[in-house]
C-alpha atoms as a PDB file:
ATOM      1  CA  UNK A   1     -93.111 -56.430 -21.872  1.00  0.00           C
ATOM      2  CA  UNK A   2     -90.604 -57.884 -19.848  1.00  0.00           C
ATOM      3  CA  UNK A   3     -86.912 -56.623 -19.708  1.00  0.00           C
ATOM      4  CA  UNK A   4     -83.963 -58.556 -19.632  1.00  0.00           C
ATOM      5  CA  UNK A   5     -80.103 -58.847 -20.119  1.00  0.00           C
ATOM      6  CA  UNK A   6     -78.014 -61.666 -20.995  1.00  0.00           C
ATOM      7  CA  UNK A   7     -74.021 -61.957 -20.552  1.00  0.00           C
ATOM      8  CA  UNK A   8     -72.585 -62.647 -23.865  1.00  0.00           C
ATOM      9  CA  UNK A   9     -68.719 -63.617 -24.514  1.00  0.00           C
ATOM     10  CA  UNK A  10     -67.617 -63.166 -28.193  1.00  0.00           C
ATOM     11  CA  UNK A  11     -68.511 -60.015 -29.276  1.00  0.00           C
ATOM     12  CA  UNK A  12     -65.361 -58.435 -30.874  1.00  0.00           C
ATOM     13  CA  UNK A  13     -67.001 -54.943 -32.717  1.00  0.00           C
ATOM     14  CA  UNK A  14     -70.319 -53.125 -34.069  1.00  0.00           C
ATOM     15  CA  UNK A  15     -70.785 -55.606 -36.902  1.00  0.00           C
ATOM     16  CA  UNK A  16     -71.679 -58.566 -34.465  1.00  0.00           C
ATOM     17  CA  UNK A  17     -73.956 -56.003 -32.475  1.00  0.00           C
ATOM     18  CA  UNK A  18     -75.731 -55.432 -35.678  1.00  0.00           C
ATOM     19  CA  UNK A  19     -75.659 -58.902 -36.510  1.00  0.00           C
ATOM     20  CA  UNK A  20     -77.369 -59.662 -32.723  1.00  0.00           C
ATOM     21  CA  UNK A  21     -79.637 -56.872 -33.520  1.00  0.00           C
ATOM     22  CA  UNK A  22     -81.074 -57.992 -36.809  1.00  0.00           C
ATOM     23  CA  UNK A  23     -81.427 -61.284 -35.649  1.00  0.00           C
ATOM     24  CA  UNK A  24     -83.292 -61.125 -32.867  1.00  0.00           C
ATOM     25  CA  UNK A  25     -85.461 -57.891 -34.001  1.00  0.00           C
ATOM     26  CA  UNK A  26     -86.210 -60.310 -36.960  1.00  0.00           C
ATOM     27  CA  UNK A  27     -87.950 -63.041 -33.801  1.00  0.00           C
ATOM     28  CA  UNK A  28     -91.878 -62.452 -32.816  1.00  0.00           C
ATOM     29  CA  UNK A  29     -92.139 -61.425 -29.563  1.00  0.00           C
ATOM     30  CA  UNK A  30     -88.739 -58.986 -29.706  1.00  0.00           C
ATOM     31  CA  UNK A  31     -89.476 -55.310 -28.997  1.00  0.00           C
ATOM     32  CA  UNK A  32     -86.098 -53.635 -28.883  1.00  0.00           C
ATOM     33  CA  UNK A  33     -82.883 -55.262 -28.517  1.00  0.00           C
ATOM     34  CA  UNK A  34     -79.767 -53.221 -27.343  1.00  0.00           C
ATOM     35  CA  UNK A  35     -75.968 -53.977 -26.842  1.00  0.00           C
ATOM     36  CA  UNK A  36     -73.503 -52.249 -23.785  1.00  0.00           C
ATOM     37  CA  UNK A  37     -70.809 -50.674 -24.846  1.00  0.00           C
ATOM     38  CA  UNK A  38     -68.136 -52.434 -23.563  1.00  0.00           C
ATOM     39  CA  UNK A  39     -69.897 -55.645 -25.620  1.00  0.00           C
ATOM     40  CA  UNK A  40     -70.316 -57.735 -22.959  1.00  0.00           C
ATOM     41  CA  UNK A  41     -74.301 -57.346 -22.148  1.00  0.00           C
ATOM     42  CA  UNK A  42     -77.450 -57.745 -24.454  1.00  0.00           C
ATOM     43  CA  UNK A  43     -80.521 -56.497 -23.128  1.00  0.00           C
ATOM     44  CA  UNK A  44     -83.528 -57.123 -24.668  1.00  0.00           C
ATOM     45  CA  UNK A  45     -87.368 -56.331 -24.188  1.00  0.00           C
ATOM     46  CA  UNK A  46     -89.860 -59.291 -25.260  1.00  0.00           C
ATOM     47  CA  UNK A  47     -93.320 -60.270 -24.646  1.00  0.00           C
ATOM     48  CA  UNK A  48     -93.050 -63.565 -22.413  1.00  0.00           C
ATOM     49  CA  UNK A  49     -96.060 -65.182 -24.335  1.00  0.00           C
ATOM     50  CA  UNK A  50     -94.433 -65.053 -27.283  1.00  0.00           C
ATOM     51  CA  UNK A  51     -90.844 -66.228 -26.695  1.00  0.00           C
ATOM     52  CA  UNK A  52     -88.443 -66.576 -23.774  1.00  0.00           C
ATOM     53  CA  UNK A  53     -85.102 -65.645 -22.245  1.00  0.00           C
ATOM     54  CA  UNK A  54     -83.758 -69.501 -23.152  1.00  0.00           C
ATOM     55  CA  UNK A  55     -84.757 -69.159 -26.551  1.00  0.00           C
ATOM     56  CA  UNK A  56     -83.366 -66.064 -27.317  1.00  0.00           C
ATOM     57  CA  UNK A  57     -79.988 -67.385 -25.675  1.00  0.00           C
ATOM     58  CA  UNK A  58     -80.034 -70.541 -28.378  1.00  0.00           C
ATOM     59  CA  UNK A  59     -80.817 -67.858 -31.004  1.00  0.00           C
ATOM     60  CA  UNK A  60     -77.733 -65.467 -30.097  1.00  0.00           C
ATOM     61  CA  UNK A  61     -75.645 -68.809 -29.971  1.00  0.00           C
ATOM     62  CA  UNK A  62     -76.533 -70.434 -32.994  1.00  0.00           C
ATOM     63  CA  UNK A  63     -76.118 -66.947 -35.321  1.00  0.00           C
ATOM     64  CA  UNK A  64     -74.178 -68.212 -38.226  1.00  0.00           C
ATOM     65  CA  UNK A  65     -70.680 -67.567 -38.936  1.00  0.00           C
ATOM     66  CA  UNK A  66     -70.237 -66.344 -35.756  1.00  0.00           C
ATOM     67  CA  UNK A  67     -69.022 -67.879 -32.342  1.00  0.00           C
ATOM     68  CA  UNK A  68     -71.088 -66.399 -28.874  1.00  0.00           C
ATOM     69  CA  UNK A  69     -71.715 -67.920 -26.259  1.00  0.00           C
ATOM     70  CA  UNK A  70     -73.878 -67.288 -23.411  1.00  0.00           C
ATOM     71  CA  UNK A  71     -72.448 -67.279 -20.181  1.00  0.00           C
ATOM     72  CA  UNK A  72     -75.113 -66.674 -17.251  1.00  0.00           C
END
């Protein structure tokens, strides 16, 4: 498992955190998801043989009814 962090703009509250966490944990290859206290960073533990960081960024940006943007 590899752990990496993405800077994400648009996370405003705990409902946003739950939406991101639930969406990502539903994907094969993602073991754990965390969001920083200031809502700026999403940390993900993943199996690189099943999913890539690029795919995860795309999933976050496509979450329905939200306007999250990867900034790194």
